[in-house]
N, C-alpha and C. Protein backbone atom coordinates (compact mmCIF):
# COMPACT_ATOMS: atom_id res chain seq x y z
N UNK A 1 0.85 -1.12 -0.06
CA UNK A 1 0.04 0.06 0.00
C UNK A 1 0.90 1.25 0.04
N UNK A 2 0.47 2.19 -0.83
CA UNK A 2 1.30 3.53 -0.89
C UNK A 2 0.65 4.47 0.02
N UNK A 3 1.41 5.16 0.72
CA UNK A 3 0.82 6.21 1.53
C UNK A 3 1.02 7.58 0.78
N UNK A 4 -0.09 8.26 0.60
CA UNK A 4 -0.03 9.57 -0.09
C UNK A 4 -0.42 10.69 0.84
N UNK A 5 -0.48 10.44 2.10
CA UNK A 5 -0.90 11.39 2.98
C UNK A 5 0.27 12.40 3.25
N UNK A 6 -0.08 13.47 3.84
CA UNK A 6 1.02 14.56 4.02
C UNK A 6 1.44 14.80 5.49
N UNK A 7 0.58 14.31 6.40
CA UNK A 7 0.82 14.49 7.80
C UNK A 7 1.57 13.26 8.41
N UNK A 8 2.60 13.50 9.12
CA UNK A 8 3.37 12.42 9.67
C UNK A 8 4.08 12.90 11.01
N UNK A 9 4.43 11.97 11.88
CA UNK A 9 5.06 12.34 13.05
C UNK A 9 6.15 11.36 13.43
N UNK A 10 7.18 11.88 14.04
CA UNK A 10 8.41 11.07 14.50
C UNK A 10 7.88 10.43 15.85
N UNK A 11 8.01 9.12 15.88
CA UNK A 11 7.67 8.45 17.23
C UNK A 11 8.78 8.08 18.07
N UNK A 12 9.93 8.04 17.52
CA UNK A 12 11.03 7.72 18.32
C UNK A 12 12.43 8.04 17.52
N UNK A 13 13.39 8.49 18.21
CA UNK A 13 14.69 8.72 17.59
C UNK A 13 15.83 8.43 18.57
N UNK A 14 17.01 8.17 18.14
CA UNK A 14 18.22 7.83 18.87
C UNK A 14 19.43 8.21 18.15
N UNK A 15 20.45 8.59 18.89
CA UNK A 15 21.75 8.98 18.34
C UNK A 15 22.46 7.59 18.03
N UNK A 16 23.01 7.57 16.77
CA UNK A 16 23.77 6.42 16.36
C UNK A 16 25.28 6.71 16.40
N UNK A 17 25.73 7.94 16.33
CA UNK A 17 27.07 8.31 16.34
C UNK A 17 27.33 9.77 16.05
N UNK A 18 28.55 10.12 16.45
CA UNK A 18 29.00 11.53 16.33
C UNK A 18 30.15 11.64 15.37
N UNK A 19 30.09 12.65 14.48
CA UNK A 19 31.21 12.76 13.57
C UNK A 19 31.48 14.32 13.42
N UNK A 20 32.45 14.82 14.25
CA UNK A 20 32.73 16.14 14.28
C UNK A 20 31.56 16.93 14.87
N UNK A 21 31.03 17.79 14.10
CA UNK A 21 29.84 18.65 14.57
C UNK A 21 28.62 18.16 14.13
N UNK A 22 28.47 16.85 13.76
CA UNK A 22 27.22 16.24 13.26
C UNK A 22 26.91 14.93 14.04
N UNK A 23 25.67 14.76 14.18
CA UNK A 23 25.14 13.59 14.72
C UNK A 23 24.23 12.80 13.80
N UNK A 24 24.55 11.39 13.74
CA UNK A 24 23.75 10.65 12.97
C UNK A 24 22.52 10.01 13.88
N UNK A 25 21.26 10.32 13.44
CA UNK A 25 20.24 9.86 14.13
C UNK A 25 19.49 8.77 13.47
N UNK A 26 19.04 7.63 14.11
CA UNK A 26 18.09 6.69 13.65
C UNK A 26 16.79 7.07 14.20
N UNK A 27 15.74 6.96 13.30
CA UNK A 27 14.40 7.42 13.71
C UNK A 27 13.32 6.53 13.24
N UNK A 28 12.11 6.56 13.91
CA UNK A 28 11.02 5.96 13.48
C UNK A 28 9.87 6.91 13.35
N UNK A 29 9.02 6.75 12.43
CA UNK A 29 7.96 7.58 12.28
C UNK A 29 6.69 6.98 11.71
N UNK A 30 5.52 7.60 11.63
CA UNK A 30 4.30 7.05 11.15
C UNK A 30 3.40 8.25 10.49
N UNK A 31 2.80 7.76 9.50
CA UNK A 31 1.74 8.53 8.93
C UNK A 31 0.69 8.84 9.86
N UNK A 32 0.28 10.09 10.01
CA UNK A 32 -0.84 10.45 10.99
C UNK A 32 -2.16 9.99 10.57
N UNK A 33 -2.35 9.65 9.31
CA UNK A 33 -3.67 9.20 8.78
C UNK A 33 -3.78 7.74 8.76
N UNK A 34 -2.89 7.01 8.13
CA UNK A 34 -3.12 5.57 7.89
C UNK A 34 -2.16 4.75 8.90
N UNK A 35 -1.19 5.45 9.55
CA UNK A 35 -0.19 4.84 10.56
C UNK A 35 0.72 3.94 9.94
N UNK A 36 1.01 4.07 8.58
CA UNK A 36 2.08 3.30 8.02
C UNK A 36 3.40 3.82 8.69
N UNK A 37 4.11 2.91 9.17
CA UNK A 37 5.46 3.17 9.72
C UNK A 37 6.68 3.20 8.82
N UNK A 38 7.57 4.00 9.17
CA UNK A 38 8.90 4.15 8.46
C UNK A 38 10.02 4.22 9.45
N UNK A 39 11.19 3.60 9.04
CA UNK A 39 12.39 3.86 9.85
C UNK A 39 13.43 4.51 8.91
N UNK A 40 14.25 5.27 9.44
CA UNK A 40 15.30 5.80 8.57
C UNK A 40 16.42 6.35 9.50
N UNK A 41 17.42 6.96 8.81
CA UNK A 41 18.53 7.54 9.48
C UNK A 41 19.04 8.94 8.68
N UNK A 42 19.43 9.82 9.46
CA UNK A 42 19.90 11.10 8.88
C UNK A 42 21.01 11.71 9.79
N UNK A 43 21.76 12.53 9.19
CA UNK A 43 22.85 13.28 9.89
C UNK A 43 22.41 14.70 9.96
N UNK A 44 22.51 15.21 11.13
CA UNK A 44 22.14 16.65 11.42
C UNK A 44 23.24 17.33 12.27
N UNK A 45 23.34 18.64 12.27
CA UNK A 45 24.22 19.36 13.17
C UNK A 45 23.98 19.06 14.65
N UNK A 46 25.10 19.02 15.33
CA UNK A 46 24.99 18.60 16.76
C UNK A 46 24.40 19.57 17.69
N UNK A 47 24.35 20.86 17.34
CA UNK A 47 23.85 21.90 18.27
C UNK A 47 22.33 22.19 18.15
N UNK A 48 21.56 21.31 17.65
CA UNK A 48 20.14 21.57 17.52
C UNK A 48 19.34 21.51 18.80
N UNK A 49 18.43 22.42 18.99
CA UNK A 49 17.53 22.27 20.26
C UNK A 49 16.48 21.24 19.86
N UNK A 50 15.86 20.66 20.97
CA UNK A 50 14.90 19.46 20.69
C UNK A 50 13.83 19.68 19.78
N UNK A 51 13.26 21.02 19.84
CA UNK A 51 12.13 21.27 18.90
C UNK A 51 12.60 21.25 17.52
N UNK A 52 13.76 21.94 17.33
CA UNK A 52 14.29 22.02 15.86
C UNK A 52 14.60 20.62 15.34
N UNK A 53 15.24 19.80 16.22
CA UNK A 53 15.61 18.45 15.78
C UNK A 53 14.39 17.62 15.48
N UNK A 54 13.35 17.69 16.30
CA UNK A 54 12.03 17.01 15.87
C UNK A 54 11.45 17.52 14.61
N UNK A 55 11.47 18.80 14.32
CA UNK A 55 10.99 19.36 13.14
C UNK A 55 11.81 18.84 11.81
N UNK A 56 13.20 18.79 12.00
CA UNK A 56 13.96 18.23 10.88
C UNK A 56 13.70 16.87 10.62
N UNK A 57 13.59 16.09 11.66
CA UNK A 57 13.31 14.64 11.56
C UNK A 57 11.93 14.41 10.93
N UNK A 58 11.01 15.16 11.31
CA UNK A 58 9.59 15.11 10.64
C UNK A 58 9.70 15.54 9.25
N UNK A 59 10.44 16.51 8.89
CA UNK A 59 10.57 16.92 7.51
C UNK A 59 11.13 15.70 6.69
N UNK A 60 12.11 15.06 7.28
CA UNK A 60 12.72 13.89 6.64
C UNK A 60 11.66 12.86 6.43
N UNK A 61 10.97 12.60 7.42
CA UNK A 61 9.84 11.57 7.24
C UNK A 61 8.83 11.92 6.19
N UNK A 62 8.34 13.12 6.08
CA UNK A 62 7.31 13.62 5.17
C UNK A 62 7.87 13.50 3.78
N UNK A 63 9.25 13.76 3.68
CA UNK A 63 9.90 13.78 2.41
C UNK A 63 9.90 12.30 1.92
N UNK A 64 10.22 11.41 2.82
CA UNK A 64 10.20 10.04 2.47
C UNK A 64 8.78 9.59 1.84
N UNK A 65 7.74 9.98 2.47
CA UNK A 65 6.45 9.68 2.01
C UNK A 65 6.15 10.24 0.65
N UNK A 66 6.64 11.47 0.41
CA UNK A 66 6.45 12.18 -0.82
C UNK A 66 7.25 11.47 -2.01
N UNK A 67 8.45 11.04 -1.61
CA UNK A 67 9.11 10.31 -2.60
C UNK A 67 8.62 9.02 -2.98
N UNK A 68 8.20 8.16 -1.91
CA UNK A 68 7.53 6.89 -2.12
C UNK A 68 6.30 7.04 -2.89
N UNK A 69 5.49 8.02 -2.64
CA UNK A 69 4.25 8.22 -3.40
C UNK A 69 4.39 8.49 -4.81
N UNK A 70 5.42 9.33 -5.10
CA UNK A 70 5.73 9.77 -6.59
C UNK A 70 6.44 8.59 -7.29
N UNK A 71 7.08 7.77 -6.56
CA UNK A 71 7.77 6.62 -7.29
C UNK A 71 6.86 5.41 -7.41
N UNK A 72 5.72 5.40 -6.69
CA UNK A 72 4.85 4.33 -6.75
C UNK A 72 5.28 3.12 -6.02
N UNK A 73 6.04 3.36 -4.90
CA UNK A 73 6.55 2.27 -4.15
C UNK A 73 5.51 1.86 -3.02
């Protein structure tokens, strides 16, 4: 099933490693409408406050759903 919804939320995240001024995060998220789950990883600057971190991880998650929907995956 392809998720074409635009609302999603990060449900969990954890640091995987530190490389200089960047941190690699593993994250889990879900579509707010159909609850399809996704896991991923991304590297972000180390000095982010918690709200900004959550916003960037959520953007990564919604970007995934957009790519998957346009690719027909």
